[in-house]
Amino acid sequence: MKMGPKGLALLKSFEGWRGRAYQDSVGVWTIGYGHTSMAGPPTVKRGMTITKAEGERILKRDLKKYEQTVSDAVRVDLNQEQFDALVSFTYNVGPGNWRKSSVLRMVNAGRFDAVPARLMLWNKAGGKVLRGLTRRRAAEGELFMSGSKESKFAAAEIPDAPIGKSPTQSTTNIAAGLSAVAGVTAAGREIVDNTSTMMEAAPWIVVCIVIAGATWWIWRERNRKSREDGI
């Protein structure tokens, strides 16, 4: 199976094009569409430059490796969108991290609804959450689910343990991403409901507070006046 046009467009948009070698967010020399030496030839060095045509050829060659990596690890049937999302993810975090990720475990368990939340755990580089990675994981999750008309499985998952650096990113667990993507929990819904009820009752609460305050003030003034009159 090969990456389709939707996946390729997503990957290119997030990797971006650079004709001159640069160091990524964790200091890895990178060129073209996110190509690093760990992905295979050519070796990326300081000062290296390539043409757009060379970059396209390198990307095509790199993708074969990542497409095969995904195909070898997945034991269930995937549609094109699911495959594309997983190849984009693997291209970014590297084959080693892909093979030991809970993303792959959820895929092979057929728990497709859990995959977007698991992808969102991989939004750090150098121990810091990156907005670009957060947006990429969200886009990959959306692409993964776009080929499914309805959900098959529920997903309330336990986060991954921290995992080491990838070819282009250093990624670790972020449990908050799970809550953001997996949806509002029962406790969250209860809080929302209670808050809504309080908002509806707010005008009456204010009125009661005003009346109580006025009553206290009148009582205090009467007591003061009584003391002044010697009563």
C-alpha atoms as a PDB file:
ATOM      1  CA  MET A   1       0.000   0.000   0.000  1.00  0.00           C
ATOM      2  CA  LYS A   2       1.275   3.484  -0.862  1.00  0.00           C
ATOM      3  CA  MET A   3       0.555   6.887   0.623  1.00  0.00           C
ATOM      4  CA  GLY A   4      -2.264   8.643  -1.197  1.00  0.00           C
ATOM      5  CA  PRO A   5      -2.559  12.302  -2.250  1.00  0.00           C
ATOM      6  CA  LYS A   6      -4.311  13.404   0.964  1.00  0.00           C
ATOM      7  CA  GLY A   7      -1.593  11.988   3.158  1.00  0.00           C
ATOM      8  CA  LEU A   8       1.168  13.354   0.942  1.00  0.00           C
ATOM      9  CA  ALA A   9      -0.355  16.844   1.042  1.00  0.00           C
ATOM     10  CA  LEU A  10      -0.611  16.667   4.836  1.00  0.00           C
ATOM     11  CA  LEU A  11       2.962  15.470   5.241  1.00  0.00           C
ATOM     12  CA  LYS A  12       4.367  18.150   2.930  1.00  0.00           C
ATOM     13  CA  SER A  13       2.409  20.919   4.605  1.00  0.00           C
ATOM     14  CA  PHE A  14       3.791  20.086   8.049  1.00  0.00           C
ATOM     15  CA  GLU A  15       7.327  19.135   7.040  1.00  0.00           C
ATOM     16  CA  GLY A  16       7.651  22.174   4.838  1.00  0.00           C
ATOM     17  CA  TRP A  17      10.255  22.608   2.093  1.00  0.00           C
ATOM     18  CA  ARG A  18      13.833  23.696   2.780  1.00  0.00           C
ATOM     19  CA  GLY A  19      16.443  23.570   0.025  1.00  0.00           C
ATOM     20  CA  ARG A  20      19.291  24.318   2.459  1.00  0.00           C
ATOM     21  CA  ALA A  21      20.212  22.121   5.423  1.00  0.00           C
ATOM     22  CA  TYR A  22      18.959  23.328   8.804  1.00  0.00           C
ATOM     23  CA  GLN A  23      18.773  22.022  12.357  1.00  0.00           C
ATOM     24  CA  ASP A  24      15.317  21.024  13.536  1.00  0.00           C
ATOM     25  CA  SER A  25      13.826  21.669  16.996  1.00  0.00           C
ATOM     26  CA  VAL A  26      16.106  19.067  18.616  1.00  0.00           C
ATOM     27  CA  GLY A  27      19.239  19.919  16.641  1.00  0.00           C
ATOM     28  CA  VAL A  28      19.057  17.251  13.913  1.00  0.00           C
ATOM     29  CA  TRP A  29      20.327  18.342  10.495  1.00  0.00           C
ATOM     30  CA  THR A  30      17.424  18.251   8.075  1.00  0.00           C
ATOM     31  CA  ILE A  31      16.772  19.155   4.441  1.00  0.00           C
ATOM     32  CA  GLY A  32      14.054  18.972   1.806  1.00  0.00           C
ATOM     33  CA  TYR A  33      10.735  17.680   3.149  1.00  0.00           C
ATOM     34  CA  GLY A  34      12.009  16.779   6.611  1.00  0.00           C
ATOM     35  CA  HIS A  35      14.726  14.391   5.379  1.00  0.00           C
ATOM     36  CA  THR A  36      17.383  13.421   7.938  1.00  0.00           C
ATOM     37  CA  SER A  37      20.414  11.163   7.704  1.00  0.00           C
ATOM     38  CA  MET A  38      18.646   8.573   9.872  1.00  0.00           C
ATOM     39  CA  ALA A  39      16.092   8.106   7.091  1.00  0.00           C
ATOM     40  CA  GLY A  40      18.842   7.049   4.680  1.00  0.00           C
ATOM     41  CA  PRO A  41      20.921   8.736   1.988  1.00  0.00           C
ATOM     42  CA  PRO A  42      21.863  11.439   1.367  1.00  0.00           C
ATOM     43  CA  THR A  43      23.634  12.321   4.600  1.00  0.00           C
ATOM     44  CA  VAL A  44      22.609  15.809   5.656  1.00  0.00           C
ATOM     45  CA  LYS A  45      25.422  18.188   6.587  1.00  0.00           C
ATOM     46  CA  ARG A  46      25.847  21.864   7.384  1.00  0.00           C
ATOM     47  CA  GLY A  47      25.809  23.975   4.215  1.00  0.00           C
ATOM     48  CA  MET A  48      24.207  21.246   2.066  1.00  0.00           C
ATOM     49  CA  THR A  49      21.753  22.382  -0.622  1.00  0.00           C
ATOM     50  CA  ILE A  50      19.398  20.501  -2.969  1.00  0.00           C
ATOM     51  CA  THR A  51      16.963  21.418  -5.719  1.00  0.00           C
ATOM     52  CA  LYS A  52      13.206  20.986  -5.450  1.00  0.00           C
ATOM     53  CA  ALA A  53      13.373  18.085  -7.921  1.00  0.00           C
ATOM     54  CA  GLU A  54      16.035  16.374  -5.784  1.00  0.00           C
ATOM     55  CA  GLY A  55      13.881  16.930  -2.721  1.00  0.00           C
ATOM     56  CA  GLU A  56      10.923  15.234  -4.399  1.00  0.00           C
ATOM     57  CA  ARG A  57      13.068  12.224  -5.303  1.00  0.00           C
ATOM     58  CA  ILE A  58      14.434  11.962  -1.749  1.00  0.00           C
ATOM     59  CA  LEU A  59      10.914  12.168  -0.321  1.00  0.00           C
ATOM     60  CA  LYS A  60       9.665   9.467  -2.669  1.00  0.00           C
ATOM     61  CA  ARG A  61      12.530   7.179  -1.658  1.00  0.00           C
ATOM     62  CA  ASP A  62      12.053   7.894   2.053  1.00  0.00           C
ATOM     63  CA  LEU A  63       8.315   7.242   1.859  1.00  0.00           C
ATOM     64  CA  LYS A  64       8.892   3.709   0.561  1.00  0.00           C
ATOM     65  CA  LYS A  65      10.738   2.926   3.791  1.00  0.00           C
ATOM     66  CA  TYR A  66       8.005   4.340   6.028  1.00  0.00           C
ATOM     67  CA  GLU A  67       5.178   2.811   4.001  1.00  0.00           C
ATOM     68  CA  GLN A  68       6.830  -0.585   4.388  1.00  0.00           C
ATOM     69  CA  THR A  69       7.418   0.024   8.087  1.00  0.00           C
ATOM     70  CA  VAL A  70       3.724   0.695   8.645  1.00  0.00           C
ATOM     71  CA  SER A  71       2.621  -2.238   6.480  1.00  0.00           C
ATOM     72  CA  ASP A  72       4.941  -4.667   8.280  1.00  0.00           C
ATOM     73  CA  ALA A  73       3.673  -3.692  11.747  1.00  0.00           C
ATOM     74  CA  VAL A  74      -0.082  -3.490  11.111  1.00  0.00           C
ATOM     75  CA  ARG A  75      -2.078  -6.727  11.361  1.00  0.00           C
ATOM     76  CA  VAL A  76      -5.526  -5.379  10.485  1.00  0.00           C
ATOM     77  CA  ASP A  77      -7.076  -3.973   7.323  1.00  0.00           C
ATOM     78  CA  LEU A  78      -6.737  -0.209   6.845  1.00  0.00           C
ATOM     79  CA  ASN A  79      -8.395   2.180   4.459  1.00  0.00           C
ATOM     80  CA  GLN A  80      -6.335   4.748   2.529  1.00  0.00           C
ATOM     81  CA  GLU A  81      -6.883   7.583   5.005  1.00  0.00           C
ATOM     82  CA  GLN A  82      -5.869   5.444   7.973  1.00  0.00           C
ATOM     83  CA  PHE A  83      -2.747   4.226   6.226  1.00  0.00           C
ATOM     84  CA  ASP A  84      -1.783   7.755   5.157  1.00  0.00           C
ATOM     85  CA  ALA A  85      -2.148   9.116   8.697  1.00  0.00           C
ATOM     86  CA  LEU A  86       0.035   6.362  10.129  1.00  0.00           C
ATOM     87  CA  VAL A  87       2.734   6.851   7.499  1.00  0.00           C
ATOM     88  CA  SER A  88       2.814  10.597   8.242  1.00  0.00           C
ATOM     89  CA  PHE A  89       3.106   9.829  11.956  1.00  0.00           C
ATOM     90  CA  THR A  90       5.882   7.272  11.421  1.00  0.00           C
ATOM     91  CA  TYR A  91       7.743   9.625   9.076  1.00  0.00           C
ATOM     92  CA  ASN A  92       7.806  12.167  11.891  1.00  0.00           C
ATOM     93  CA  VAL A  93       8.564  10.031  14.980  1.00  0.00           C
ATOM     94  CA  GLY A  94      10.647   7.304  13.348  1.00  0.00           C
ATOM     95  CA  PRO A  95      10.201   3.527  12.888  1.00  0.00           C
ATOM     96  CA  GLY A  96      11.429   2.615  16.371  1.00  0.00           C
ATOM     97  CA  ASN A  97       8.966   4.854  18.184  1.00  0.00           C
ATOM     98  CA  TRP A  98       6.169   3.760  15.857  1.00  0.00           C
ATOM     99  CA  ARG A  99       6.718   0.070  16.611  1.00  0.00           C
ATOM    100  CA  LYS A 100       6.577   0.536  20.385  1.00  0.00           C
ATOM    101  CA  SER A 101       3.833   3.165  20.437  1.00  0.00           C
ATOM    102  CA  SER A 102       0.330   2.692  21.776  1.00  0.00           C
ATOM    103  CA  VAL A 103      -0.859   4.097  18.441  1.00  0.00           C
ATOM    104  CA  LEU A 104       0.162   0.824  16.839  1.00  0.00           C
ATOM    105  CA  ARG A 105      -1.278  -1.212  19.719  1.00  0.00           C
ATOM    106  CA  MET A 106      -4.668   0.444  19.344  1.00  0.00           C
ATOM    107  CA  VAL A 107      -4.601  -0.055  15.572  1.00  0.00           C
ATOM    108  CA  ASN A 108      -3.814  -3.760  15.860  1.00  0.00           C
ATOM    109  CA  ALA A 109      -6.482  -4.140  18.537  1.00  0.00           C
ATOM    110  CA  GLY A 110      -8.997  -2.683  16.099  1.00  0.00           C
ATOM    111  CA  ARG A 111      -9.688   0.191  18.505  1.00  0.00           C
ATOM    112  CA  PHE A 112      -9.642   2.857  15.836  1.00  0.00           C
ATOM    113  CA  ASP A 113     -11.515   5.434  17.911  1.00  0.00           C
ATOM    114  CA  ALA A 114      -8.600   5.429  20.361  1.00  0.00           C
ATOM    115  CA  VAL A 115      -6.016   6.295  17.710  1.00  0.00           C
ATOM    116  CA  PRO A 116      -6.541  10.103  17.488  1.00  0.00           C
ATOM    117  CA  ALA A 117      -6.129  10.459  21.265  1.00  0.00           C
ATOM    118  CA  ARG A 118      -2.989   8.305  21.191  1.00  0.00           C
ATOM    119  CA  LEU A 119      -1.536  10.382  18.377  1.00  0.00           C
ATOM    120  CA  MET A 120      -2.028  13.508  20.477  1.00  0.00           C
ATOM    121  CA  LEU A 121       0.368  12.147  23.094  1.00  0.00           C
ATOM    122  CA  TRP A 122       3.223  12.710  20.638  1.00  0.00           C
ATOM    123  CA  ASN A 123       3.335  16.511  20.539  1.00  0.00           C
ATOM    124  CA  LYS A 124       6.605  17.213  22.361  1.00  0.00           C
ATOM    125  CA  ALA A 125      10.157  17.843  21.211  1.00  0.00           C
ATOM    126  CA  GLY A 126      13.013  18.362  23.624  1.00  0.00           C
ATOM    127  CA  GLY A 127      10.540  17.974  26.476  1.00  0.00           C
ATOM    128  CA  LYS A 128       8.398  20.902  25.326  1.00  0.00           C
ATOM    129  CA  VAL A 129       4.958  20.912  23.745  1.00  0.00           C
ATOM    130  CA  LEU A 130       5.159  22.354  20.235  1.00  0.00           C
ATOM    131  CA  ARG A 131       2.136  23.974  18.602  1.00  0.00           C
ATOM    132  CA  GLY A 132       3.211  22.651  15.213  1.00  0.00           C
ATOM    133  CA  LEU A 133       3.328  19.074  16.490  1.00  0.00           C
ATOM    134  CA  THR A 134      -0.005  19.498  18.255  1.00  0.00           C
ATOM    135  CA  ARG A 135      -1.595  20.678  15.017  1.00  0.00           C
ATOM    136  CA  ARG A 136       0.045  17.866  13.065  1.00  0.00           C
ATOM    137  CA  ARG A 137      -1.162  15.169  15.450  1.00  0.00           C
ATOM    138  CA  ALA A 138      -4.681  16.627  15.310  1.00  0.00           C
ATOM    139  CA  ALA A 139      -4.592  16.656  11.503  1.00  0.00           C
ATOM    140  CA  GLU A 140      -3.330  13.064  11.390  1.00  0.00           C
ATOM    141  CA  GLY A 141      -6.065  11.993  13.780  1.00  0.00           C
ATOM    142  CA  GLU A 142      -8.694  13.716  11.682  1.00  0.00           C
ATOM    143  CA  LEU A 143      -7.347  12.091   8.523  1.00  0.00           C
ATOM    144  CA  PHE A 144      -7.279   8.680  10.213  1.00  0.00           C
ATOM    145  CA  MET A 145     -10.958   8.933  11.151  1.00  0.00           C
ATOM    146  CA  SER A 146     -12.125  10.626   7.948  1.00  0.00           C
ATOM    147  CA  GLY A 147     -12.537   7.305   6.135  1.00  0.00           C
ATOM    148  CA  SER A 148     -14.819   5.876   8.847  1.00  0.00           C
ATOM    149  CA  LYS A 149     -18.512   6.739   8.762  1.00  0.00           C
ATOM    150  CA  GLU A 150     -19.077   5.795  12.385  1.00  0.00           C
ATOM    151  CA  SER A 151     -17.118   4.834  15.463  1.00  0.00           C
ATOM    152  CA  LYS A 152     -16.671   1.170  16.311  1.00  0.00           C
ATOM    153  CA  PHE A 153     -15.040   1.288  19.725  1.00  0.00           C
ATOM    154  CA  ALA A 154     -14.960   3.453  22.836  1.00  0.00           C
ATOM    155  CA  ALA A 155     -11.661   4.891  24.001  1.00  0.00           C
ATOM    156  CA  ALA A 156     -10.795   5.844  27.561  1.00  0.00           C
ATOM    157  CA  GLU A 157      -7.102   5.088  27.484  1.00  0.00           C
ATOM    158  CA  ILE A 158      -4.037   5.024  29.745  1.00  0.00           C
ATOM    159  CA  PRO A 159      -1.289   7.354  28.422  1.00  0.00           C
ATOM    160  CA  ASP A 160       2.012   6.078  27.030  1.00  0.00           C
ATOM    161  CA  ALA A 161       5.154   6.121  29.131  1.00  0.00           C
ATOM    162  CA  PRO A 162       7.784   8.642  27.945  1.00  0.00           C
ATOM    163  CA  ILE A 163       9.619   7.464  24.829  1.00  0.00           C
ATOM    164  CA  GLY A 164      12.944   8.624  23.399  1.00  0.00           C
ATOM    165  CA  LYS A 165      13.865  10.852  20.475  1.00  0.00           C
ATOM    166  CA  SER A 166      12.731  10.259  16.899  1.00  0.00           C
ATOM    167  CA  PRO A 167      14.645  11.157  13.706  1.00  0.00           C
ATOM    168  CA  THR A 168      13.081  14.628  13.730  1.00  0.00           C
ATOM    169  CA  GLN A 169      11.398  15.018  17.111  1.00  0.00           C
ATOM    170  CA  SER A 170      11.874  14.039  20.769  1.00  0.00           C
ATOM    171  CA  THR A 171       8.495  12.838  21.966  1.00  0.00           C
ATOM    172  CA  THR A 172       7.049  12.047  25.382  1.00  0.00           C
ATOM    173  CA  ASN A 173       3.695  11.504  26.996  1.00  0.00           C
ATOM    174  CA  ILE A 174       1.214  14.318  27.474  1.00  0.00           C
ATOM    175  CA  ALA A 175      -1.858  13.128  29.282  1.00  0.00           C
ATOM    176  CA  ALA A 176      -3.660  16.421  28.728  1.00  0.00           C
ATOM    177  CA  GLY A 177      -3.836  15.659  25.011  1.00  0.00           C
ATOM    178  CA  LEU A 178      -5.904  12.585  25.785  1.00  0.00           C
ATOM    179  CA  SER A 179      -8.557  14.648  27.542  1.00  0.00           C
ATOM    180  CA  ALA A 180      -8.593  17.227  24.773  1.00  0.00           C
ATOM    181  CA  VAL A 181      -9.202  14.725  22.003  1.00  0.00           C
ATOM    182  CA  ALA A 182     -11.034  11.885  23.722  1.00  0.00           C
ATOM    183  CA  GLY A 183     -13.812  14.279  24.798  1.00  0.00           C
ATOM    184  CA  VAL A 184     -15.466  15.417  28.009  1.00  0.00           C
ATOM    185  CA  THR A 185     -15.689  12.742  30.690  1.00  0.00           C
ATOM    186  CA  ALA A 186     -18.704  12.032  32.864  1.00  0.00           C
ATOM    187  CA  ALA A 187     -17.198  14.134  35.646  1.00  0.00           C
ATOM    188  CA  GLY A 188     -16.620  16.955  33.195  1.00  0.00           C
ATOM    189  CA  ARG A 189     -20.204  16.816  32.013  1.00  0.00           C
ATOM    190  CA  GLU A 190     -21.405  16.954  35.619  1.00  0.00           C
ATOM    191  CA  ILE A 191     -19.334  20.076  36.222  1.00  0.00           C
ATOM    192  CA  VAL A 192     -20.722  21.681  33.066  1.00  0.00           C
ATOM    193  CA  ASP A 193     -24.266  20.831  34.112  1.00  0.00           C
ATOM    194  CA  ASN A 194     -23.754  22.227  37.598  1.00  0.00           C
ATOM    195  CA  THR A 195     -22.167  25.361  36.230  1.00  0.00           C
ATOM    196  CA  SER A 196     -25.067  25.832  33.849  1.00  0.00           C
ATOM    197  CA  THR A 197     -27.538  25.525  36.716  1.00  0.00           C
ATOM    198  CA  MET A 198     -25.634  28.071  38.781  1.00  0.00           C
ATOM    199  CA  MET A 199     -25.595  30.500  35.858  1.00  0.00           C
ATOM    200  CA  GLU A 200     -29.360  30.229  35.528  1.00  0.00           C
ATOM    201  CA  ALA A 201     -29.805  30.875  39.267  1.00  0.00           C
ATOM    202  CA  ALA A 202     -27.313  33.742  39.364  1.00  0.00           C
ATOM    203  CA  PRO A 203     -29.876  36.624  39.172  1.00  0.00           C
ATOM    204  CA  TRP A 204     -31.825  35.257  42.155  1.00  0.00           C
ATOM    205  CA  ILE A 205     -28.639  34.754  44.133  1.00  0.00           C
ATOM    206  CA  VAL A 206     -27.694  38.381  43.543  1.00  0.00           C
ATOM    207  CA  VAL A 207     -31.157  39.565  44.667  1.00  0.00           C
ATOM    208  CA  CYS A 208     -30.925  37.507  47.873  1.00  0.00           C
ATOM    209  CA  ILE A 209     -27.474  38.894  48.631  1.00  0.00           C
ATOM    210  CA  VAL A 210     -28.712  42.484  48.126  1.00  0.00           C
ATOM    211  CA  ILE A 211     -31.752  41.935  50.375  1.00  0.00           C
ATOM    212  CA  ALA A 212     -29.614  40.301  53.076  1.00  0.00           C
ATOM    213  CA  GLY A 213     -27.138  43.146  52.915  1.00  0.00           C
ATOM    214  CA  ALA A 214     -29.864  45.796  53.133  1.00  0.00           C
ATOM    215  CA  THR A 215     -31.503  44.038  56.090  1.00  0.00           C
ATOM    216  CA  TRP A 216     -28.201  43.882  57.962  1.00  0.00           C
ATOM    217  CA  TRP A 217     -27.507  47.583  57.284  1.00  0.00           C
ATOM    218  CA  ILE A 218     -30.977  48.648  58.554  1.00  0.00           C
ATOM    219  CA  TRP A 219     -30.534  46.494  61.686  1.00  0.00           C
ATOM    220  CA  ARG A 220     -27.126  48.025  62.369  1.00  0.00           C
ATOM    221  CA  GLU A 221     -28.389  51.582  61.913  1.00  0.00           C
ATOM    222  CA  ARG A 222     -31.321  50.991  64.235  1.00  0.00           C
ATOM    223  CA  ASN A 223     -29.030  49.583  66.917  1.00  0.00           C
ATOM    224  CA  ARG A 224     -26.670  52.543  66.570  1.00  0.00           C
ATOM    225  CA  LYS A 225     -29.530  55.036  66.833  1.00  0.00           C
ATOM    226  CA  SER A 226     -30.924  53.216  69.889  1.00  0.00           C
ATOM    227  CA  ARG A 227     -27.554  53.478  71.630  1.00  0.00           C
ATOM    228  CA  GLU A 228     -27.292  57.147  70.778  1.00  0.00           C
ATOM    229  CA  ASP A 229     -30.773  57.808  72.201  1.00  0.00           C
ATOM    230  CA  GLY A 230     -29.892  55.863  75.337  1.00  0.00           C
ATOM    231  CA  ILE A 231     -32.526  53.244  74.808  1.00  0.00           C
END
